[in-house]
Amino acid sequence: QVHLVESGGGLVQAGGSLRLSCAASGTIFSTNSMGWYRQAPGKQRELVARTTSGGSTNYEDSVKGRFTISRDNAKNTVYLQMNSLKPEDTAVYYCKLTSSTWVVYWGQGTQVTVSS
């Protein structure tokens, strides 16, 4: 069983920065990808950023140039550096891990609130 723990969310003013962390623990043989998703009130959960085991990354268009995803394989941890935050970035951010056998795990979510 894999357990994901997110941290780093909080309240920040527009233009500010936050760094989210997601640490994976448990029996992890290998991962296919790790990523961050977010869900705002009344909206569907959407991909924010994703990184694969091969090192490729992709981002949702609205965060390109502002957010950076990175990964520490030795620590089974993925990070999301969020700069130039906007009120529309306000959401619950979830970490997702997809194993090499395509099993999907989700974290419990961390709230990010950006005030104008």
PDB file of N, CA and C in Angstrom:
ATOM      1  N   GLN A   1       0.840  -1.187   0.000  1.00  0.00           N
ATOM      2  CA  GLN A   1       0.000   0.000   0.000  1.00  0.00           C
ATOM      3  C   GLN A   1       0.879   1.243   0.000  1.00  0.00           C
ATOM      4  N   VAL A   2       0.481   2.221  -0.787  1.00  0.00           N
ATOM      5  CA  VAL A   2       1.223   3.472  -0.892  1.00  0.00           C
ATOM      6  C   VAL A   2       0.427   4.585  -0.229  1.00  0.00           C
ATOM      7  N   HIS A   3       1.118   5.399   0.527  1.00  0.00           N
ATOM      8  CA  HIS A   3       0.488   6.516   1.229  1.00  0.00           C
ATOM      9  C   HIS A   3       1.150   7.801   0.772  1.00  0.00           C
ATOM     10  N   LEU A   4       0.348   8.785   0.382  1.00  0.00           N
ATOM     11  CA  LEU A   4       0.858  10.077  -0.074  1.00  0.00           C
ATOM     12  C   LEU A   4       0.477  11.146   0.943  1.00  0.00           C
ATOM     13  N   VAL A   5       1.443  11.952   1.329  1.00  0.00           N
ATOM     14  CA  VAL A   5       1.203  13.026   2.286  1.00  0.00           C
ATOM     15  C   VAL A   5       1.639  14.339   1.662  1.00  0.00           C
ATOM     16  N   GLU A   6       0.685  15.250   1.500  1.00  0.00           N
ATOM     17  CA  GLU A   6       0.977  16.559   0.938  1.00  0.00           C
ATOM     18  C   GLU A   6       1.193  17.568   2.055  1.00  0.00           C
ATOM     19  N   SER A   7       1.972  18.579   1.761  1.00  0.00           N
ATOM     20  CA  SER A   7       2.178  19.677   2.694  1.00  0.00           C
ATOM     21  C   SER A   7       2.552  20.927   1.907  1.00  0.00           C
ATOM     22  N   GLY A   8       2.471  22.072   2.583  1.00  0.00           N
ATOM     23  CA  GLY A   8       2.913  23.317   1.974  1.00  0.00           C
ATOM     24  C   GLY A   8       1.810  24.262   1.541  1.00  0.00           C
ATOM     25  N   GLY A   9       0.567  23.832   1.643  1.00  0.00           N
ATOM     26  CA  GLY A   9      -0.518  24.723   1.269  1.00  0.00           C
ATOM     27  C   GLY A   9      -0.693  25.833   2.294  1.00  0.00           C
ATOM     28  N   GLY A  10      -1.560  26.791   1.958  1.00  0.00           N
ATOM     29  CA  GLY A  10      -1.809  27.880   2.887  1.00  0.00           C
ATOM     30  C   GLY A  10      -2.449  29.059   2.200  1.00  0.00           C
ATOM     31  N   LEU A  11      -2.422  30.176   2.900  1.00  0.00           N
ATOM     32  CA  LEU A  11      -2.996  31.427   2.403  1.00  0.00           C
ATOM     33  C   LEU A  11      -1.869  32.348   1.980  1.00  0.00           C
ATOM     34  N   VAL A  12      -1.986  32.909   0.792  1.00  0.00           N
ATOM     35  CA  VAL A  12      -0.955  33.806   0.279  1.00  0.00           C
ATOM     36  C   VAL A  12      -1.624  34.908  -0.529  1.00  0.00           C
ATOM     37  N   GLN A  13      -1.001  36.048  -0.586  1.00  0.00           N
ATOM     38  CA  GLN A  13      -1.525  37.149  -1.397  1.00  0.00           C
ATOM     39  C   GLN A  13      -1.184  36.929  -2.867  1.00  0.00           C
ATOM     40  N   ALA A  14      -1.986  37.516  -3.719  1.00  0.00           N
ATOM     41  CA  ALA A  14      -1.714  37.440  -5.153  1.00  0.00           C
ATOM     42  C   ALA A  14      -0.298  37.943  -5.438  1.00  0.00           C
ATOM     43  N   GLY A  15       0.385  37.208  -6.311  1.00  0.00           N
ATOM     44  CA  GLY A  15       1.767  37.534  -6.620  1.00  0.00           C
ATOM     45  C   GLY A  15       2.776  36.783  -5.773  1.00  0.00           C
ATOM     46  N   GLY A  16       2.292  36.150  -4.734  1.00  0.00           N
ATOM     47  CA  GLY A  16       3.177  35.419  -3.841  1.00  0.00           C
ATOM     48  C   GLY A  16       3.509  34.027  -4.341  1.00  0.00           C
ATOM     49  N   SER A  17       4.222  33.281  -3.492  1.00  0.00           N
ATOM     50  CA  SER A  17       4.694  31.949  -3.860  1.00  0.00           C
ATOM     51  C   SER A  17       4.402  30.941  -2.760  1.00  0.00           C
ATOM     52  N   LEU A  18       4.238  29.713  -3.163  1.00  0.00           N
ATOM     53  CA  LEU A  18       4.120  28.582  -2.247  1.00  0.00           C
ATOM     54  C   LEU A  18       4.830  27.399  -2.870  1.00  0.00           C
ATOM     55  N   ARG A  19       5.290  26.499  -2.014  1.00  0.00           N
ATOM     56  CA  ARG A  19       5.905  25.264  -2.486  1.00  0.00           C
ATOM     57  C   ARG A  19       5.189  24.087  -1.849  1.00  0.00           C
ATOM     58  N   LEU A  20       4.589  23.274  -2.681  1.00  0.00           N
ATOM     59  CA  LEU A  20       3.911  22.081  -2.201  1.00  0.00           C
ATOM     60  C   LEU A  20       4.857  20.886  -2.263  1.00  0.00           C
ATOM     61  N   SER A  21       4.722  19.987  -1.295  1.00  0.00           N
ATOM     62  CA  SER A  21       5.494  18.758  -1.274  1.00  0.00           C
ATOM     63  C   SER A  21       4.539  17.579  -1.159  1.00  0.00           C
ATOM     64  N   CYS A  22       4.927  16.482  -1.767  1.00  0.00           N
ATOM     65  CA  CYS A  22       4.157  15.242  -1.656  1.00  0.00           C
ATOM     66  C   CYS A  22       5.144  14.107  -1.458  1.00  0.00           C
ATOM     67  N   ALA A  23       5.088  13.508  -0.281  1.00  0.00           N
ATOM     68  CA  ALA A  23       5.984  12.413   0.044  1.00  0.00           C
ATOM     69  C   ALA A  23       5.220  11.095  -0.041  1.00  0.00           C
ATOM     70  N   ALA A  24       5.780  10.164  -0.769  1.00  0.00           N
ATOM     71  CA  ALA A  24       5.161   8.843  -0.918  1.00  0.00           C
ATOM     72  C   ALA A  24       5.872   7.846  -0.017  1.00  0.00           C
ATOM     73  N   SER A  25       5.095   7.048   0.693  1.00  0.00           N
ATOM     74  CA  SER A  25       5.673   6.015   1.545  1.00  0.00           C
ATOM     75  C   SER A  25       4.931   4.710   1.300  1.00  0.00           C
ATOM     76  N   GLY A  26       5.556   3.629   1.740  1.00  0.00           N
ATOM     77  CA  GLY A  26       4.951   2.329   1.542  1.00  0.00           C
ATOM     78  C   GLY A  26       5.765   1.507   0.569  1.00  0.00           C
ATOM     79  N   THR A  27       5.149   0.510   0.019  1.00  0.00           N
ATOM     80  CA  THR A  27       5.823  -0.394  -0.898  1.00  0.00           C
ATOM     81  C   THR A  27       5.751   0.180  -2.304  1.00  0.00           C
ATOM     82  N   ILE A  28       6.846   0.829  -2.683  1.00  0.00           N
ATOM     83  CA  ILE A  28       6.902   1.457  -3.999  1.00  0.00           C
ATOM     84  C   ILE A  28       8.021   0.810  -4.784  1.00  0.00           C
ATOM     85  N   PHE A  29       7.682   0.045  -5.778  1.00  0.00           N
ATOM     86  CA  PHE A  29       8.712  -0.578  -6.595  1.00  0.00           C
ATOM     87  C   PHE A  29       9.179   0.377  -7.680  1.00  0.00           C
ATOM     88  N   SER A  30       8.271   0.945  -8.349  1.00  0.00           N
ATOM     89  CA  SER A  30       8.607   1.951  -9.355  1.00  0.00           C
ATOM     90  C   SER A  30       7.341   2.703  -9.719  1.00  0.00           C
ATOM     91  N   THR A  31       7.542   3.902 -10.167  1.00  0.00           N
ATOM     92  CA  THR A  31       6.393   4.731 -10.518  1.00  0.00           C
ATOM     93  C   THR A  31       6.419   5.054 -11.996  1.00  0.00           C
ATOM     94  N   ASN A  32       5.244   5.250 -12.529  1.00  0.00           N
ATOM     95  CA  ASN A  32       5.128   5.702 -13.903  1.00  0.00           C
ATOM     96  C   ASN A  32       5.178   7.226 -13.938  1.00  0.00           C
ATOM     97  N   SER A  33       4.403   7.835 -13.059  1.00  0.00           N
ATOM     98  CA  SER A  33       4.384   9.288 -13.024  1.00  0.00           C
ATOM     99  C   SER A  33       3.899   9.772 -11.664  1.00  0.00           C
ATOM    100  N   MET A  34       4.229  11.010 -11.376  1.00  0.00           N
ATOM    101  CA  MET A  34       3.679  11.703 -10.200  1.00  0.00           C
ATOM    102  C   MET A  34       3.227  13.072 -10.675  1.00  0.00           C
ATOM    103  N   GLY A  35       2.197  13.547 -10.061  1.00  0.00           N
ATOM    104  CA  GLY A  35       1.675  14.824 -10.533  1.00  0.00           C
ATOM    105  C   GLY A  35       0.816  15.516  -9.507  1.00  0.00           C
ATOM    106  N   TRP A  36       0.431  16.718  -9.860  1.00  0.00           N
ATOM    107  CA  TRP A  36      -0.433  17.549  -9.025  1.00  0.00           C
ATOM    108  C   TRP A  36      -1.709  17.884  -9.803  1.00  0.00           C
ATOM    109  N   TYR A  37      -2.812  17.753  -9.120  1.00  0.00           N
ATOM    110  CA  TYR A  37      -4.109  18.129  -9.653  1.00  0.00           C
ATOM    111  C   TYR A  37      -4.725  19.123  -8.679  1.00  0.00           C
ATOM    112  N   ARG A  38      -5.724  19.853  -9.151  1.00  0.00           N
ATOM    113  CA  ARG A  38      -6.428  20.761  -8.250  1.00  0.00           C
ATOM    114  C   ARG A  38      -7.918  20.754  -8.537  1.00  0.00           C
ATOM    115  N   GLN A  39      -8.664  21.091  -7.505  1.00  0.00           N
ATOM    116  CA  GLN A  39     -10.111  21.153  -7.640  1.00  0.00           C
ATOM    117  C   GLN A  39     -10.619  22.367  -6.898  1.00  0.00           C
ATOM    118  N   ALA A  40     -11.195  23.290  -7.655  1.00  0.00           N
ATOM    119  CA  ALA A  40     -11.804  24.475  -7.076  1.00  0.00           C
ATOM    120  C   ALA A  40     -13.277  24.188  -6.796  1.00  0.00           C
ATOM    121  N   PRO A  41     -13.891  24.934  -5.899  1.00  0.00           N
ATOM    122  CA  PRO A  41     -15.311  24.708  -5.585  1.00  0.00           C
ATOM    123  C   PRO A  41     -16.185  24.778  -6.828  1.00  0.00           C
ATOM    124  N   GLY A  42     -17.005  23.751  -7.016  1.00  0.00           N
ATOM    125  CA  GLY A  42     -17.917  23.733  -8.143  1.00  0.00           C
ATOM    126  C   GLY A  42     -17.292  23.348  -9.465  1.00  0.00           C
ATOM    127  N   LYS A  43     -16.021  22.989  -9.442  1.00  0.00           N
ATOM    128  CA  LYS A  43     -15.337  22.627 -10.684  1.00  0.00           C
ATOM    129  C   LYS A  43     -14.792  21.217 -10.613  1.00  0.00           C
ATOM    130  N   GLN A  44     -14.473  20.666 -11.770  1.00  0.00           N
ATOM    131  CA  GLN A  44     -13.892  19.333 -11.816  1.00  0.00           C
ATOM    132  C   GLN A  44     -12.409  19.396 -11.478  1.00  0.00           C
ATOM    133  N   ARG A  45     -11.915  18.286 -10.997  1.00  0.00           N
ATOM    134  CA  ARG A  45     -10.482  18.188 -10.726  1.00  0.00           C
ATOM    135  C   ARG A  45      -9.727  18.246 -12.054  1.00  0.00           C
ATOM    136  N   GLU A  46      -8.634  19.020 -12.062  1.00  0.00           N
ATOM    137  CA  GLU A  46      -7.868  19.183 -13.297  1.00  0.00           C
ATOM    138  C   GLU A  46      -6.383  18.980 -13.052  1.00  0.00           C
ATOM    139  N   LEU A  47      -5.705  18.555 -14.100  1.00  0.00           N
ATOM    140  CA  LEU A  47      -4.259  18.389 -14.022  1.00  0.00           C
ATOM    141  C   LEU A  47      -3.596  19.756 -13.952  1.00  0.00           C
ATOM    142  N   VAL A  48      -2.644  19.879 -13.048  1.00  0.00           N
ATOM    143  CA  VAL A  48      -1.836  21.092 -12.955  1.00  0.00           C
ATOM    144  C   VAL A  48      -0.466  20.845 -13.580  1.00  0.00           C
ATOM    145  N   ALA A  49       0.190  19.799 -13.121  1.00  0.00           N
ATOM    146  CA  ALA A  49       1.523  19.478 -13.616  1.00  0.00           C
ATOM    147  C   ALA A  49       1.799  18.013 -13.352  1.00  0.00           C
ATOM    148  N   ARG A  50       2.632  17.439 -14.208  1.00  0.00           N
ATOM    149  CA  ARG A  50       2.907  16.016 -14.108  1.00  0.00           C
ATOM    150  C   ARG A  50       4.327  15.754 -14.564  1.00  0.00           C
ATOM    151  N   THR A  51       4.980  14.805 -13.897  1.00  0.00           N
ATOM    152  CA  THR A  51       6.313  14.410 -14.309  1.00  0.00           C
ATOM    153  C   THR A  51       6.374  12.896 -14.381  1.00  0.00           C
ATOM    154  N   THR A  52       7.018  12.386 -15.407  1.00  0.00           N
ATOM    155  CA  THR A  52       7.103  10.940 -15.580  1.00  0.00           C
ATOM    156  C   THR A  52       8.438  10.406 -15.053  1.00  0.00           C
ATOM    157  N   SER A  53       8.544   9.107 -14.980  1.00  0.00           N
ATOM    158  CA  SER A  53       9.782   8.487 -14.520  1.00  0.00           C
ATOM    159  C   SER A  53      10.920   8.772 -15.490  1.00  0.00           C
ATOM    160  N   GLY A  54      10.571   9.069 -16.731  1.00  0.00           N
ATOM    161  CA  GLY A  54      11.602   9.385 -17.714  1.00  0.00           C
ATOM    162  C   GLY A  54      12.056  10.831 -17.676  1.00  0.00           C
ATOM    163  N   GLY A  55      11.395  11.632 -16.825  1.00  0.00           N
ATOM    164  CA  GLY A  55      11.811  13.009 -16.655  1.00  0.00           C
ATOM    165  C   GLY A  55      11.023  14.030 -17.449  1.00  0.00           C
ATOM    166  N   SER A  56      10.098  13.580 -18.256  1.00  0.00           N
ATOM    167  CA  SER A  56       9.312  14.552 -19.014  1.00  0.00           C
ATOM    168  C   SER A  56       8.276  15.203 -18.107  1.00  0.00           C
ATOM    169  N   THR A  57       7.893  16.418 -18.453  1.00  0.00           N
ATOM    170  CA  THR A  57       6.907  17.156 -17.661  1.00  0.00           C
ATOM    171  C   THR A  57       5.864  17.771 -18.593  1.00  0.00           C
ATOM    172  N   ASN A  58       4.684  17.970 -18.056  1.00  0.00           N
ATOM    173  CA  ASN A  58       3.691  18.738 -18.783  1.00  0.00           C
ATOM    174  C   ASN A  58       2.867  19.535 -17.782  1.00  0.00           C
ATOM    175  N   TYR A  59       2.366  20.671 -18.256  1.00  0.00           N
ATOM    176  CA  TYR A  59       1.672  21.630 -17.405  1.00  0.00           C
ATOM    177  C   TYR A  59       0.353  22.055 -18.030  1.00  0.00           C
ATOM    178  N   GLU A  60      -0.569  22.385 -17.166  1.00  0.00           N
ATOM    179  CA  GLU A  60      -1.803  23.012 -17.614  1.00  0.00           C
ATOM    180  C   GLU A  60      -1.441  24.404 -18.145  1.00  0.00           C
ATOM    181  N   ASP A  61      -2.107  24.836 -19.190  1.00  0.00           N
ATOM    182  CA  ASP A  61      -1.697  26.067 -19.876  1.00  0.00           C
ATOM    183  C   ASP A  61      -1.632  27.285 -18.950  1.00  0.00           C
ATOM    184  N   SER A  62      -2.580  27.408 -18.049  1.00  0.00           N
ATOM    185  CA  SER A  62      -2.645  28.618 -17.229  1.00  0.00           C
ATOM    186  C   SER A  62      -1.521  28.727 -16.210  1.00  0.00           C
ATOM    187  N   VAL A  63      -0.784  27.643 -15.967  1.00  0.00           N
ATOM    188  CA  VAL A  63       0.293  27.690 -14.972  1.00  0.00           C
ATOM    189  C   VAL A  63       1.671  27.669 -15.606  1.00  0.00           C
ATOM    190  N   LYS A  64       1.724  27.509 -16.916  1.00  0.00           N
ATOM    191  CA  LYS A  64       3.027  27.471 -17.596  1.00  0.00           C
ATOM    192  C   LYS A  64       3.779  28.782 -17.349  1.00  0.00           C
ATOM    193  N   GLY A  65       5.050  28.644 -17.013  1.00  0.00           N
ATOM    194  CA  GLY A  65       5.869  29.808 -16.733  1.00  0.00           C
ATOM    195  C   GLY A  65       5.770  30.299 -15.297  1.00  0.00           C
ATOM    196  N   ARG A  66       4.804  29.802 -14.553  1.00  0.00           N
ATOM    197  CA  ARG A  66       4.637  30.208 -13.148  1.00  0.00           C
ATOM    198  C   ARG A  66       4.895  29.052 -12.179  1.00  0.00           C
ATOM    199  N   PHE A  67       4.513  27.865 -12.562  1.00  0.00           N
ATOM    200  CA  PHE A  67       4.665  26.697 -11.697  1.00  0.00           C
ATOM    201  C   PHE A  67       5.767  25.784 -12.248  1.00  0.00           C
ATOM    202  N   THR A  68       6.460  25.120 -11.335  1.00  0.00           N
ATOM    203  CA  THR A  68       7.496  24.164 -11.727  1.00  0.00           C
ATOM    204  C   THR A  68       7.349  22.900 -10.890  1.00  0.00           C
ATOM    205  N   ILE A  69       7.262  21.777 -11.562  1.00  0.00           N
ATOM    206  CA  ILE A  69       7.210  20.487 -10.865  1.00  0.00           C
ATOM    207  C   ILE A  69       8.595  19.877 -10.880  1.00  0.00           C
ATOM    208  N   SER A  70       8.965  19.296  -9.763  1.00  0.00           N
ATOM    209  CA  SER A  70      10.248  18.604  -9.674  1.00  0.00           C
ATOM    210  C   SER A  70      10.078  17.364  -8.810  1.00  0.00           C
ATOM    211  N   ARG A  71      11.065  16.502  -8.880  1.00  0.00           N
ATOM    212  CA  ARG A  71      10.916  15.189  -8.249  1.00  0.00           C
ATOM    213  C   ARG A  71      12.255  14.757  -7.679  1.00  0.00           C
ATOM    214  N   ASP A  72      12.215  14.221  -6.476  1.00  0.00           N
ATOM    215  CA  ASP A  72      13.382  13.631  -5.839  1.00  0.00           C
ATOM    216  C   ASP A  72      13.107  12.138  -5.730  1.00  0.00           C
ATOM    217  N   ASN A  73      13.662  11.365  -6.641  1.00  0.00           N
ATOM    218  CA  ASN A  73      13.367   9.934  -6.677  1.00  0.00           C
ATOM    219  C   ASN A  73      13.883   9.203  -5.440  1.00  0.00           C
ATOM    220  N   ALA A  74      14.996   9.665  -4.919  1.00  0.00           N
ATOM    221  CA  ALA A  74      15.564   9.009  -3.738  1.00  0.00           C
ATOM    222  C   ALA A  74      14.642   9.145  -2.532  1.00  0.00           C
ATOM    223  N   LYS A  75      13.903  10.258  -2.490  1.00  0.00           N
ATOM    224  CA  LYS A  75      12.995  10.507  -1.368  1.00  0.00           C
ATOM    225  C   LYS A  75      11.543  10.191  -1.723  1.00  0.00           C
ATOM    226  N   ASN A  76      11.318   9.725  -2.946  1.00  0.00           N
ATOM    227  CA  ASN A  76       9.935   9.481  -3.401  1.00  0.00           C
ATOM    228  C   ASN A  76       9.047  10.684  -3.129  1.00  0.00           C
ATOM    229  N   THR A  77       9.568  11.831  -3.455  1.00  0.00           N
ATOM    230  CA  THR A  77       8.868  13.086  -3.185  1.00  0.00           C
ATOM    231  C   THR A  77       8.765  13.911  -4.459  1.00  0.00           C
ATOM    232  N   VAL A  78       7.613  14.522  -4.635  1.00  0.00           N
ATOM    233  CA  VAL A  78       7.426  15.443  -5.752  1.00  0.00           C
ATOM    234  C   VAL A  78       7.060  16.804  -5.191  1.00  0.00           C
ATOM    235  N   TYR A  79       7.537  17.840  -5.840  1.00  0.00           N
ATOM    236  CA  TYR A  79       7.325  19.212  -5.395  1.00  0.00           C
ATOM    237  C   TYR A  79       6.602  20.012  -6.474  1.00  0.00           C
ATOM    238  N   LEU A  80       5.922  21.041  -6.031  1.00  0.00           N
ATOM    239  CA  LEU A  80       5.327  21.984  -6.962  1.00  0.00           C
ATOM    240  C   LEU A  80       5.648  23.384  -6.464  1.00  0.00           C
ATOM    241  N   GLN A  81       6.543  24.047  -7.165  1.00  0.00           N
ATOM    242  CA  GLN A  81       6.873  25.434  -6.847  1.00  0.00           C
ATOM    243  C   GLN A  81       5.897  26.327  -7.602  1.00  0.00           C
ATOM    244  N   MET A  82       5.158  27.124  -6.862  1.00  0.00           N
ATOM    245  CA  MET A  82       4.137  27.971  -7.455  1.00  0.00           C
ATOM    246  C   MET A  82       4.502  29.432  -7.226  1.00  0.00           C
ATOM    247  N   ASN A  83       4.769  30.145  -8.290  1.00  0.00           N
ATOM    248  CA  ASN A  83       5.123  31.560  -8.234  1.00  0.00           C
ATOM    249  C   ASN A  83       4.045  32.393  -8.915  1.00  0.00           C
ATOM    250  N   SER A  84       4.068  33.676  -8.644  1.00  0.00           N
ATOM    251  CA  SER A  84       3.111  34.614  -9.255  1.00  0.00           C
ATOM    252  C   SER A  84       1.681  34.102  -9.127  1.00  0.00           C
ATOM    253  N   LEU A  85       1.331  33.699  -7.936  1.00  0.00           N
ATOM    254  CA  LEU A  85       0.018  33.104  -7.723  1.00  0.00           C
ATOM    255  C   LEU A  85      -1.099  34.105  -7.958  1.00  0.00           C
ATOM    256  N   LYS A  86      -2.200  33.581  -8.467  1.00  0.00           N
ATOM    257  CA  LYS A  86      -3.376  34.390  -8.788  1.00  0.00           C
ATOM    258  C   LYS A  86      -4.572  33.859  -7.989  1.00  0.00           C
ATOM    259  N   PRO A  87      -5.561  34.707  -7.760  1.00  0.00           N
ATOM    260  CA  PRO A  87      -6.751  34.226  -7.043  1.00  0.00           C
ATOM    261  C   PRO A  87      -7.392  33.010  -7.708  1.00  0.00           C
ATOM    262  N   GLU A  88      -7.297  32.909  -9.023  1.00  0.00           N
ATOM    263  CA  GLU A  88      -7.888  31.760  -9.712  1.00  0.00           C
ATOM    264  C   GLU A  88      -7.118  30.461  -9.494  1.00  0.00           C
ATOM    265  N   ASP A  89      -5.970  30.543  -8.844  1.00  0.00           N
ATOM    266  CA  ASP A  89      -5.231  29.333  -8.471  1.00  0.00           C
ATOM    267  C   ASP A  89      -5.776  28.717  -7.183  1.00  0.00           C
ATOM    268  N   THR A  90      -6.691  29.413  -6.537  1.00  0.00           N
ATOM    269  CA  THR A  90      -7.272  28.909  -5.293  1.00  0.00           C
ATOM    270  C   THR A  90      -7.994  27.591  -5.533  1.00  0.00           C
ATOM    271  N   ALA A  91      -7.623  26.574  -4.776  1.00  0.00           N
ATOM    272  CA  ALA A  91      -8.195  25.232  -4.939  1.00  0.00           C
ATOM    273  C   ALA A  91      -7.586  24.310  -3.896  1.00  0.00           C
ATOM    274  N   VAL A  92      -8.140  23.116  -3.832  1.00  0.00           N
ATOM    275  CA  VAL A  92      -7.484  22.044  -3.094  1.00  0.00           C
ATOM    276  C   VAL A  92      -6.567  21.332  -4.085  1.00  0.00           C
ATOM    277  N   TYR A  93      -5.314  21.198  -3.708  1.00  0.00           N
ATOM    278  CA  TYR A  93      -4.323  20.578  -4.574  1.00  0.00           C
ATOM    279  C   TYR A  93      -4.078  19.152  -4.089  1.00  0.00           C
ATOM    280  N   TYR A  94      -4.128  18.225  -5.045  1.00  0.00           N
ATOM    281  CA  TYR A  94      -3.969  16.806  -4.747  1.00  0.00           C
ATOM    282  C   TYR A  94      -2.744  16.244  -5.465  1.00  0.00           C
ATOM    283  N   CYS A  95      -2.046  15.396  -4.771  1.00  0.00           N
ATOM    284  CA  CYS A  95      -0.931  14.667  -5.349  1.00  0.00           C
ATOM    285  C   CYS A  95      -1.445  13.335  -5.870  1.00  0.00           C
ATOM    286  N   LYS A  96      -0.919  12.930  -7.012  1.00  0.00           N
ATOM    287  CA  LYS A  96      -1.309  11.652  -7.624  1.00  0.00           C
ATOM    288  C   LYS A  96      -0.060  10.897  -8.021  1.00  0.00           C
ATOM    289  N   LEU A  97      -0.045   9.620  -7.679  1.00  0.00           N
ATOM    290  CA  LEU A  97       1.038   8.733  -8.085  1.00  0.00           C
ATOM    291  C   LEU A  97       0.447   7.603  -8.905  1.00  0.00           C
ATOM    292  N   THR A  98       1.033   7.361 -10.059  1.00  0.00           N
ATOM    293  CA  THR A  98       0.643   6.214 -10.884  1.00  0.00           C
ATOM    294  C   THR A  98       1.809   5.253 -10.923  1.00  0.00           C
ATOM    295  N   SER A  99       1.562   4.038 -10.458  1.00  0.00           N
ATOM    296  CA  SER A  99       2.649   3.071 -10.398  1.00  0.00           C
ATOM    297  C   SER A  99       2.964   2.523 -11.790  1.00  0.00           C
ATOM    298  N   SER A 100       4.060   1.783 -11.861  1.00  0.00           N
ATOM    299  CA  SER A 100       4.449   1.179 -13.139  1.00  0.00           C
ATOM    300  C   SER A 100       3.444   0.125 -13.586  1.00  0.00           C
ATOM    301  N   THR A 101       2.605  -0.332 -12.662  1.00  0.00           N
ATOM    302  CA  THR A 101       1.548  -1.289 -13.016  1.00  0.00           C
ATOM    303  C   THR A 101       0.204  -0.586 -13.140  1.00  0.00           C
ATOM    304  N   TRP A 102       0.252   0.756 -13.238  1.00  0.00           N
ATOM    305  CA  TRP A 102      -0.931   1.580 -13.506  1.00  0.00           C
ATOM    306  C   TRP A 102      -1.929   1.605 -12.367  1.00  0.00           C
ATOM    307  N   VAL A 103      -1.467   1.358 -11.154  1.00  0.00           N
ATOM    308  CA  VAL A 103      -2.309   1.576  -9.980  1.00  0.00           C
ATOM    309  C   VAL A 103      -2.186   3.046  -9.594  1.00  0.00           C
ATOM    310  N   VAL A 104      -3.293   3.672  -9.285  1.00  0.00           N
ATOM    311  CA  VAL A 104      -3.321   5.109  -8.997  1.00  0.00           C
ATOM    312  C   VAL A 104      -3.555   5.342  -7.511  1.00  0.00           C
ATOM    313  N   TYR A 105      -2.769   6.240  -6.943  1.00  0.00           N
ATOM    314  CA  TYR A 105      -2.915   6.633  -5.546  1.00  0.00           C
ATOM    315  C   TYR A 105      -3.084   8.143  -5.484  1.00  0.00           C
ATOM    316  N   TRP A 106      -3.918   8.589  -4.539  1.00  0.00           N
ATOM    317  CA  TRP A 106      -4.147  10.016  -4.333  1.00  0.00           C
ATOM    318  C   TRP A 106      -3.801  10.409  -2.901  1.00  0.00           C
ATOM    319  N   GLY A 107      -3.325  11.625  -2.750  1.00  0.00           N
ATOM    320  CA  GLY A 107      -3.149  12.191  -1.429  1.00  0.00           C
ATOM    321  C   GLY A 107      -4.458  12.764  -0.927  1.00  0.00           C
ATOM    322  N   GLN A 108      -4.419  13.280   0.299  1.00  0.00           N
ATOM    323  CA  GLN A 108      -5.632  13.769   0.931  1.00  0.00           C
ATOM    324  C   GLN A 108      -5.975  15.201   0.517  1.00  0.00           C
ATOM    325  N   GLY A 109      -5.040  15.879  -0.099  1.00  0.00           N
ATOM    326  CA  GLY A 109      -5.258  17.239  -0.573  1.00  0.00           C
ATOM    327  C   GLY A 109      -4.754  18.282   0.398  1.00  0.00           C
ATOM    328  N   THR A 110      -4.333  19.417  -0.139  1.00  0.00           N
ATOM    329  CA  THR A 110      -3.902  20.550   0.670  1.00  0.00           C
ATOM    330  C   THR A 110      -4.503  21.820   0.069  1.00  0.00           C
ATOM    331  N   GLN A 111      -5.040  22.661   0.934  1.00  0.00           N
ATOM    332  CA  GLN A 111      -5.740  23.859   0.469  1.00  0.00           C
ATOM    333  C   GLN A 111      -4.748  24.969   0.132  1.00  0.00           C
ATOM    334  N   VAL A 112      -4.932  25.561  -1.028  1.00  0.00           N
ATOM    335  CA  VAL A 112      -4.190  26.757  -1.426  1.00  0.00           C
ATOM    336  C   VAL A 112      -5.208  27.871  -1.657  1.00  0.00           C
ATOM    337  N   THR A 113      -5.037  28.960  -0.934  1.00  0.00           N
ATOM    338  CA  THR A 113      -5.935  30.103  -1.071  1.00  0.00           C
ATOM    339  C   THR A 113      -5.112  31.333  -1.412  1.00  0.00           C
ATOM    340  N   VAL A 114      -5.466  31.983  -2.504  1.00  0.00           N
ATOM    341  CA  VAL A 114      -4.759  33.177  -2.951  1.00  0.00           C
ATOM    342  C   VAL A 114      -5.721  34.356  -2.859  1.00  0.00           C
ATOM    343  N   SER A 115      -5.362  35.314  -2.033  1.00  0.00           N
ATOM    344  CA  SER A 115      -6.221  36.487  -1.849  1.00  0.00           C
ATOM    345  C   SER A 115      -5.823  37.596  -2.810  1.00  0.00           C
ATOM    346  N   SER A 116      -6.814  38.375  -3.199  1.00  0.00           N
ATOM    347  CA  SER A 116      -6.546  39.454  -4.167  1.00  0.00           C
ATOM    348  C   SER A 116      -6.174  40.742  -3.463  1.00  0.00           C
TER     349      SER A 116
END
